[in-house]
Amino acid sequence: MKRYKTLLFDLDDTLLDFGATEDAALQKLFSEQEIELTPEIRAYYKDLNDRLWKAFEVGDMEREEVVNSRFSLLFEHYGLNVDGVALEKRYRTFLAEGHHLIEGALELVQDIYEQFDLYVVTNGESNTQYKRLKDSGLERYFKKVFISEEVGHQKPRKEFFDYVFSNIEELNTKSTLIIGDSLSADITGGHNAGIDTCWINIRGKENNTTIIPTYEIKKLDELYEVLNIK
């Protein structure tokens, strides 16, 4: 079995449960606005948010446009006019408070950080991601953290990975593996960068794309076998 040295971990829905953190932040935001967060509104927001971030991934939108428009677009759909920038700022505060871990995430990095060189590669806002990493207890196990806002490019863009590779000493792409939940960002990005990929498909999604990961796992603890750790 292939041996890896460098592991690039996505953050949200790979090590941290972004869904749980997002739900908690949305609930706090709507409570503060004295508006009921119904299942219908929650579902519409998630669909809208996914569409906006996919546009960002392919370069059709800038990050600031995504985050500063999503709440104004959401409430506009329900006939309300709000200050989307102000709501985003409050939401970001609540989001930074959340650091829900994926089951087994902390134990995994504790088990492997002495055997591998671990790095975080994530799209997102720097202050939020750093705070969540620290509060979750994960931060100390990673040699460096690469966040799209600081890099200036987002996954899956080649420029993002060029920056990461140029800032890791003695990196060998043949012994590098990216682990992430997004076919479009992590797996496509890793493939285009010439490294092996591991799709963590916790929610059992169907892969109806032409994107084929090197490995697919359903739970984090299956990564031990991929890494040839007994």
C-alpha atoms as a PDB file:
ATOM      1  CA  MET A   1       0.000   0.000   0.000  1.00  0.00           C
ATOM      2  CA  LYS A   2       1.187   3.516  -0.823  1.00  0.00           C
ATOM      3  CA  ARG A   3       2.826   5.457   1.974  1.00  0.00           C
ATOM      4  CA  TYR A   4       2.054   9.133   2.443  1.00  0.00           C
ATOM      5  CA  LYS A   5       4.066  11.795   4.237  1.00  0.00           C
ATOM      6  CA  THR A   6       2.044  15.003   3.785  1.00  0.00           C
ATOM      7  CA  LEU A   7      -1.678  15.150   4.569  1.00  0.00           C
ATOM      8  CA  LEU A   8      -3.792  18.141   3.548  1.00  0.00           C
ATOM      9  CA  PHE A   9      -7.033  18.261   5.528  1.00  0.00           C
ATOM     10  CA  ASP A  10     -10.083  20.254   4.571  1.00  0.00           C
ATOM     11  CA  LEU A  11     -11.803  21.686   7.647  1.00  0.00           C
ATOM     12  CA  ASP A  12     -15.579  22.039   7.333  1.00  0.00           C
ATOM     13  CA  ASP A  13     -17.483  18.747   7.162  1.00  0.00           C
ATOM     14  CA  THR A  14     -14.166  16.915   7.226  1.00  0.00           C
ATOM     15  CA  LEU A  15     -12.837  17.602  10.729  1.00  0.00           C
ATOM     16  CA  LEU A  16     -15.392  20.121  11.977  1.00  0.00           C
ATOM     17  CA  ASP A  17     -19.138  19.573  11.684  1.00  0.00           C
ATOM     18  CA  PHE A  18     -20.037  22.712   9.786  1.00  0.00           C
ATOM     19  CA  GLY A  19     -23.677  21.684   9.511  1.00  0.00           C
ATOM     20  CA  ALA A  20     -24.097  21.704  13.285  1.00  0.00           C
ATOM     21  CA  THR A  21     -22.189  24.965  13.636  1.00  0.00           C
ATOM     22  CA  GLU A  22     -24.193  26.581  10.841  1.00  0.00           C
ATOM     23  CA  ASP A  23     -27.515  25.502  12.348  1.00  0.00           C
ATOM     24  CA  ALA A  24     -26.574  26.950  15.735  1.00  0.00           C
ATOM     25  CA  ALA A  25     -25.386  30.234  14.200  1.00  0.00           C
ATOM     26  CA  LEU A  26     -28.517  30.615  12.073  1.00  0.00           C
ATOM     27  CA  GLN A  27     -30.728  29.961  15.088  1.00  0.00           C
ATOM     28  CA  LYS A  28     -28.937  32.653  17.097  1.00  0.00           C
ATOM     29  CA  LEU A  29     -29.138  35.114  14.208  1.00  0.00           C
ATOM     30  CA  PHE A  30     -32.854  34.616  13.650  1.00  0.00           C
ATOM     31  CA  SER A  31     -33.587  34.716  17.378  1.00  0.00           C
ATOM     32  CA  GLU A  32     -31.775  38.039  17.609  1.00  0.00           C
ATOM     33  CA  GLN A  33     -33.900  39.361  14.729  1.00  0.00           C
ATOM     34  CA  GLU A  34     -37.034  37.973  16.406  1.00  0.00           C
ATOM     35  CA  ILE A  35     -37.862  35.954  13.293  1.00  0.00           C
ATOM     36  CA  GLU A  36     -38.784  32.275  13.421  1.00  0.00           C
ATOM     37  CA  LEU A  37     -36.289  30.053  11.615  1.00  0.00           C
ATOM     38  CA  THR A  38     -38.678  27.580  10.025  1.00  0.00           C
ATOM     39  CA  PRO A  39     -37.542  24.349   8.326  1.00  0.00           C
ATOM     40  CA  GLU A  40     -38.567  25.910   4.995  1.00  0.00           C
ATOM     41  CA  ILE A  41     -36.399  29.002   5.517  1.00  0.00           C
ATOM     42  CA  ARG A  42     -33.482  26.890   6.718  1.00  0.00           C
ATOM     43  CA  ALA A  43     -33.711  24.660   3.632  1.00  0.00           C
ATOM     44  CA  TYR A  44     -33.967  27.624   1.272  1.00  0.00           C
ATOM     45  CA  TYR A  45     -30.959  29.298   2.896  1.00  0.00           C
ATOM     46  CA  LYS A  46     -28.818  26.171   2.566  1.00  0.00           C
ATOM     47  CA  ASP A  47     -29.728  25.750  -1.102  1.00  0.00           C
ATOM     48  CA  LEU A  48     -29.047  29.434  -1.798  1.00  0.00           C
ATOM     49  CA  ASN A  49     -25.780  29.362   0.126  1.00  0.00           C
ATOM     50  CA  ASP A  50     -24.579  26.243  -1.723  1.00  0.00           C
ATOM     51  CA  ARG A  51     -25.324  27.846  -5.083  1.00  0.00           C
ATOM     52  CA  LEU A  52     -23.462  31.022  -4.161  1.00  0.00           C
ATOM     53  CA  TRP A  53     -20.368  29.159  -2.922  1.00  0.00           C
ATOM     54  CA  LYS A  54     -20.302  26.972  -6.043  1.00  0.00           C
ATOM     55  CA  ALA A  55     -20.295  30.175  -8.108  1.00  0.00           C
ATOM     56  CA  PHE A  56     -17.353  31.319  -5.984  1.00  0.00           C
ATOM     57  CA  GLU A  57     -15.481  28.048  -6.526  1.00  0.00           C
ATOM     58  CA  VAL A  58     -15.662  28.381 -10.310  1.00  0.00           C
ATOM     59  CA  GLY A  59     -14.731  32.062 -10.238  1.00  0.00           C
ATOM     60  CA  ASP A  60     -18.135  33.548 -11.122  1.00  0.00           C
ATOM     61  CA  MET A  61     -18.426  35.469  -7.839  1.00  0.00           C
ATOM     62  CA  GLU A  62     -16.035  37.096  -5.428  1.00  0.00           C
ATOM     63  CA  ARG A  63     -16.040  35.917  -1.828  1.00  0.00           C
ATOM     64  CA  GLU A  64     -17.238  39.271  -0.470  1.00  0.00           C
ATOM     65  CA  GLU A  65     -20.129  39.222  -2.920  1.00  0.00           C
ATOM     66  CA  VAL A  66     -21.173  35.783  -1.658  1.00  0.00           C
ATOM     67  CA  VAL A  67     -21.158  36.537   2.053  1.00  0.00           C
ATOM     68  CA  ASN A  68     -22.527  40.054   1.838  1.00  0.00           C
ATOM     69  CA  SER A  69     -25.458  39.153  -0.411  1.00  0.00           C
ATOM     70  CA  ARG A  70     -26.702  35.832   0.919  1.00  0.00           C
ATOM     71  CA  PHE A  71     -28.880  37.192   3.713  1.00  0.00           C
ATOM     72  CA  SER A  72     -30.291  40.052   1.660  1.00  0.00           C
ATOM     73  CA  LEU A  73     -31.166  37.527  -1.077  1.00  0.00           C
ATOM     74  CA  LEU A  74     -32.663  35.161   1.499  1.00  0.00           C
ATOM     75  CA  PHE A  75     -34.945  37.741   3.080  1.00  0.00           C
ATOM     76  CA  GLU A  76     -35.777  39.284  -0.298  1.00  0.00           C
ATOM     77  CA  HIS A  77     -37.208  35.901  -1.268  1.00  0.00           C
ATOM     78  CA  TYR A  78     -39.637  36.253   1.651  1.00  0.00           C
ATOM     79  CA  GLY A  79     -40.476  39.874   0.872  1.00  0.00           C
ATOM     80  CA  LEU A  80     -38.227  41.519   3.458  1.00  0.00           C
ATOM     81  CA  ASN A  81     -35.596  44.202   2.922  1.00  0.00           C
ATOM     82  CA  VAL A  82     -32.618  43.833   5.281  1.00  0.00           C
ATOM     83  CA  ASP A  83     -29.030  45.021   5.627  1.00  0.00           C
ATOM     84  CA  GLY A  84     -27.243  41.929   4.352  1.00  0.00           C
ATOM     85  CA  VAL A  85     -23.800  43.173   5.348  1.00  0.00           C
ATOM     86  CA  ALA A  86     -24.867  43.819   8.946  1.00  0.00           C
ATOM     87  CA  LEU A  87     -26.552  40.429   9.227  1.00  0.00           C
ATOM     88  CA  GLU A  88     -23.471  38.738   7.792  1.00  0.00           C
ATOM     89  CA  LYS A  89     -21.328  40.376  10.453  1.00  0.00           C
ATOM     90  CA  ARG A  90     -23.562  39.073  13.237  1.00  0.00           C
ATOM     91  CA  TYR A  91     -23.776  35.627  11.646  1.00  0.00           C
ATOM     92  CA  ARG A  92     -19.996  35.502  11.364  1.00  0.00           C
ATOM     93  CA  THR A  93     -19.705  36.233  15.089  1.00  0.00           C
ATOM     94  CA  PHE A  94     -22.059  33.366  15.915  1.00  0.00           C
ATOM     95  CA  LEU A  95     -20.334  31.064  13.434  1.00  0.00           C
ATOM     96  CA  ALA A  96     -16.954  31.657  15.047  1.00  0.00           C
ATOM     97  CA  GLU A  97     -18.390  30.462  18.360  1.00  0.00           C
ATOM     98  CA  GLY A  98     -19.098  27.011  16.917  1.00  0.00           C
ATOM     99  CA  HIS A  99     -16.457  24.300  16.856  1.00  0.00           C
ATOM    100  CA  HIS A 100     -18.450  21.085  16.682  1.00  0.00           C
ATOM    101  CA  LEU A 101     -16.158  18.175  15.846  1.00  0.00           C
ATOM    102  CA  ILE A 102     -16.848  15.377  13.398  1.00  0.00           C
ATOM    103  CA  GLU A 103     -16.907  12.102  15.342  1.00  0.00           C
ATOM    104  CA  GLY A 104     -13.366  10.813  15.805  1.00  0.00           C
ATOM    105  CA  ALA A 105     -11.665  13.908  14.352  1.00  0.00           C
ATOM    106  CA  LEU A 106      -9.645  14.950  17.397  1.00  0.00           C
ATOM    107  CA  GLU A 107      -8.625  11.380  18.170  1.00  0.00           C
ATOM    108  CA  LEU A 108      -7.503  10.866  14.577  1.00  0.00           C
ATOM    109  CA  VAL A 109      -5.186  13.859  14.396  1.00  0.00           C
ATOM    110  CA  GLN A 110      -3.812  13.061  17.847  1.00  0.00           C
ATOM    111  CA  ASP A 111      -2.999   9.555  16.637  1.00  0.00           C
ATOM    112  CA  ILE A 112      -1.280  10.543  13.398  1.00  0.00           C
ATOM    113  CA  TYR A 113       0.338  13.962  13.816  1.00  0.00           C
ATOM    114  CA  GLU A 114       3.691  12.520  14.888  1.00  0.00           C
ATOM    115  CA  GLN A 115       3.802  10.159  11.895  1.00  0.00           C
ATOM    116  CA  PHE A 116       2.701  12.583   9.179  1.00  0.00           C
ATOM    117  CA  ASP A 117       3.030  16.251   8.310  1.00  0.00           C
ATOM    118  CA  LEU A 118      -0.471  17.681   8.765  1.00  0.00           C
ATOM    119  CA  TYR A 119      -1.786  20.862   7.133  1.00  0.00           C
ATOM    120  CA  VAL A 120      -5.203  22.496   6.913  1.00  0.00           C
ATOM    121  CA  VAL A 121      -6.404  23.656   3.485  1.00  0.00           C
ATOM    122  CA  THR A 122      -9.755  25.411   3.683  1.00  0.00           C
ATOM    123  CA  ASN A 123     -11.926  27.953   1.955  1.00  0.00           C
ATOM    124  CA  GLY A 124     -13.363  30.525   4.316  1.00  0.00           C
ATOM    125  CA  GLU A 125     -12.798  33.588   6.447  1.00  0.00           C
ATOM    126  CA  SER A 126      -9.506  33.635   8.332  1.00  0.00           C
ATOM    127  CA  ASN A 127     -10.571  34.908  11.762  1.00  0.00           C
ATOM    128  CA  THR A 128     -13.501  32.502  11.896  1.00  0.00           C
ATOM    129  CA  GLN A 129     -11.487  29.454  10.858  1.00  0.00           C
ATOM    130  CA  TYR A 130      -8.564  30.159  13.180  1.00  0.00           C
ATOM    131  CA  LYS A 131     -10.877  30.624  16.154  1.00  0.00           C
ATOM    132  CA  ARG A 132     -12.774  27.414  15.427  1.00  0.00           C
ATOM    133  CA  LEU A 133      -9.527  25.480  15.000  1.00  0.00           C
ATOM    134  CA  LYS A 134      -8.205  26.752  18.308  1.00  0.00           C
ATOM    135  CA  ASP A 135     -11.430  26.261  20.259  1.00  0.00           C
ATOM    136  CA  SER A 136     -11.853  22.713  18.941  1.00  0.00           C
ATOM    137  CA  GLY A 137      -8.386  21.676  20.125  1.00  0.00           C
ATOM    138  CA  LEU A 138      -7.224  20.814  16.599  1.00  0.00           C
ATOM    139  CA  GLU A 139      -4.879  23.727  15.933  1.00  0.00           C
ATOM    140  CA  ARG A 140      -1.789  22.453  17.735  1.00  0.00           C
ATOM    141  CA  TYR A 141      -1.554  19.318  15.592  1.00  0.00           C
ATOM    142  CA  PHE A 142      -1.096  21.132  12.273  1.00  0.00           C
ATOM    143  CA  LYS A 143       2.168  22.542  10.956  1.00  0.00           C
ATOM    144  CA  LYS A 144       0.455  25.276   8.931  1.00  0.00           C
ATOM    145  CA  VAL A 145      -3.031  26.452   8.080  1.00  0.00           C
ATOM    146  CA  PHE A 146      -3.875  27.645   4.563  1.00  0.00           C
ATOM    147  CA  ILE A 147      -7.111  29.647   4.242  1.00  0.00           C
ATOM    148  CA  SER A 148      -8.416  30.951   0.928  1.00  0.00           C
ATOM    149  CA  GLU A 149      -8.891  34.496   2.244  1.00  0.00           C
ATOM    150  CA  GLU A 150      -5.171  34.721   3.055  1.00  0.00           C
ATOM    151  CA  VAL A 151      -3.961  32.759   0.038  1.00  0.00           C
ATOM    152  CA  GLY A 152      -5.885  34.992  -2.346  1.00  0.00           C
ATOM    153  CA  HIS A 153      -7.319  32.037  -4.241  1.00  0.00           C
ATOM    154  CA  GLN A 154      -9.787  29.314  -3.317  1.00  0.00           C
ATOM    155  CA  LYS A 155      -9.944  25.589  -3.839  1.00  0.00           C
ATOM    156  CA  PRO A 156     -10.091  24.094  -6.425  1.00  0.00           C
ATOM    157  CA  ARG A 157      -8.021  26.732  -8.244  1.00  0.00           C
ATOM    158  CA  LYS A 158      -4.526  25.646  -9.178  1.00  0.00           C
ATOM    159  CA  GLU A 159      -3.174  28.909  -7.749  1.00  0.00           C
ATOM    160  CA  PHE A 160      -4.376  27.880  -4.296  1.00  0.00           C
ATOM    161  CA  PHE A 161      -2.438  24.621  -4.454  1.00  0.00           C
ATOM    162  CA  ASP A 162       0.619  26.290  -6.013  1.00  0.00           C
ATOM    163  CA  TYR A 163       0.716  28.595  -2.996  1.00  0.00           C
ATOM    164  CA  VAL A 164       0.330  25.699  -0.550  1.00  0.00           C
ATOM    165  CA  PHE A 165       3.036  23.620  -2.231  1.00  0.00           C
ATOM    166  CA  SER A 166       5.474  26.545  -2.331  1.00  0.00           C
ATOM    167  CA  ASN A 167       5.024  27.058   1.420  1.00  0.00           C
ATOM    168  CA  ILE A 168       5.669  23.465   2.485  1.00  0.00           C
ATOM    169  CA  GLU A 169       9.341  22.568   2.695  1.00  0.00           C
ATOM    170  CA  GLU A 170      10.532  19.499   0.780  1.00  0.00           C
ATOM    171  CA  LEU A 171       7.044  18.582  -0.352  1.00  0.00           C
ATOM    172  CA  ASN A 172       6.781  15.571  -2.624  1.00  0.00           C
ATOM    173  CA  THR A 173       3.459  15.506  -4.477  1.00  0.00           C
ATOM    174  CA  LYS A 174       3.724  11.738  -4.912  1.00  0.00           C
ATOM    175  CA  SER A 175       3.520  11.252  -1.150  1.00  0.00           C
ATOM    176  CA  THR A 176       0.859  13.910  -0.562  1.00  0.00           C
ATOM    177  CA  LEU A 177      -2.832  13.216   0.045  1.00  0.00           C
ATOM    178  CA  ILE A 178      -5.736  15.661   0.342  1.00  0.00           C
ATOM    179  CA  ILE A 179      -8.702  14.625   2.514  1.00  0.00           C
ATOM    180  CA  GLY A 180     -11.975  16.495   2.094  1.00  0.00           C
ATOM    181  CA  ASP A 181     -15.739  16.272   1.728  1.00  0.00           C
ATOM    182  CA  SER A 182     -16.158  18.347  -1.445  1.00  0.00           C
ATOM    183  CA  LEU A 183     -15.840  16.704  -4.843  1.00  0.00           C
ATOM    184  CA  SER A 184     -15.803  20.086  -6.560  1.00  0.00           C
ATOM    185  CA  ALA A 185     -13.308  21.826  -4.259  1.00  0.00           C
ATOM    186  CA  ASP A 186     -11.094  19.217  -2.569  1.00  0.00           C
ATOM    187  CA  ILE A 187     -11.093  16.269  -4.951  1.00  0.00           C
ATOM    188  CA  THR A 188     -11.076  18.276  -8.170  1.00  0.00           C
ATOM    189  CA  GLY A 189      -8.457  20.619  -6.743  1.00  0.00           C
ATOM    190  CA  GLY A 190      -6.247  17.760  -5.620  1.00  0.00           C
ATOM    191  CA  HIS A 191      -6.584  15.977  -8.941  1.00  0.00           C
ATOM    192  CA  ASN A 192      -5.678  19.116 -10.894  1.00  0.00           C
ATOM    193  CA  ALA A 193      -2.701  19.662  -8.586  1.00  0.00           C
ATOM    194  CA  GLY A 194      -1.400  16.161  -9.256  1.00  0.00           C
ATOM    195  CA  ILE A 195      -1.891  14.623  -5.807  1.00  0.00           C
ATOM    196  CA  ASP A 196      -3.924  11.695  -4.506  1.00  0.00           C
ATOM    197  CA  THR A 197      -7.357  12.419  -3.084  1.00  0.00           C
ATOM    198  CA  CYS A 198      -9.553  10.978  -0.352  1.00  0.00           C
ATOM    199  CA  TRP A 199     -13.242  11.837  -0.424  1.00  0.00           C
ATOM    200  CA  ILE A 200     -14.822  11.662   3.017  1.00  0.00           C
ATOM    201  CA  ASN A 201     -18.453  10.968   2.236  1.00  0.00           C
ATOM    202  CA  ILE A 202     -19.975  10.894   5.706  1.00  0.00           C
ATOM    203  CA  ARG A 203     -23.494  11.585   4.484  1.00  0.00           C
ATOM    204  CA  GLY A 204     -23.427   8.874   1.825  1.00  0.00           C
ATOM    205  CA  LYS A 205     -23.912  11.173  -1.167  1.00  0.00           C
ATOM    206  CA  GLU A 206     -24.083   9.714  -4.646  1.00  0.00           C
ATOM    207  CA  ASN A 207     -21.243  10.704  -6.924  1.00  0.00           C
ATOM    208  CA  ASN A 208     -23.050  11.663 -10.108  1.00  0.00           C
ATOM    209  CA  THR A 209     -20.028  13.481 -11.502  1.00  0.00           C
ATOM    210  CA  THR A 210     -17.011  12.507 -13.557  1.00  0.00           C
ATOM    211  CA  ILE A 211     -14.780  13.315 -10.561  1.00  0.00           C
ATOM    212  CA  ILE A 212     -13.174  10.116  -9.275  1.00  0.00           C
ATOM    213  CA  PRO A 213     -11.281  10.254  -5.961  1.00  0.00           C
ATOM    214  CA  THR A 214      -8.329   7.987  -5.276  1.00  0.00           C
ATOM    215  CA  TYR A 215     -10.138   6.786  -2.145  1.00  0.00           C
ATOM    216  CA  GLU A 216     -13.641   7.147  -0.739  1.00  0.00           C
ATOM    217  CA  ILE A 217     -14.374   6.682   2.956  1.00  0.00           C
ATOM    218  CA  LYS A 218     -17.637   6.903   4.908  1.00  0.00           C
ATOM    219  CA  LYS A 219     -16.125   7.560   8.350  1.00  0.00           C
ATOM    220  CA  LEU A 220     -12.951   9.254   9.515  1.00  0.00           C
ATOM    221  CA  ASP A 221     -11.647   6.120  11.188  1.00  0.00           C
ATOM    222  CA  GLU A 222     -11.460   4.442   7.757  1.00  0.00           C
ATOM    223  CA  LEU A 223      -8.557   6.780   7.058  1.00  0.00           C
ATOM    224  CA  TYR A 224      -6.335   4.595   9.263  1.00  0.00           C
ATOM    225  CA  GLU A 225      -6.504   1.858   6.626  1.00  0.00           C
ATOM    226  CA  VAL A 226      -5.826   4.320   3.785  1.00  0.00           C
ATOM    227  CA  LEU A 227      -2.740   5.501   5.680  1.00  0.00           C
ATOM    228  CA  ASN A 228      -1.679   1.919   6.424  1.00  0.00           C
ATOM    229  CA  ILE A 229      -1.867   2.448  10.177  1.00  0.00           C
ATOM    230  CA  LYS A 230      -2.724  -0.600  12.231  1.00  0.00           C
END
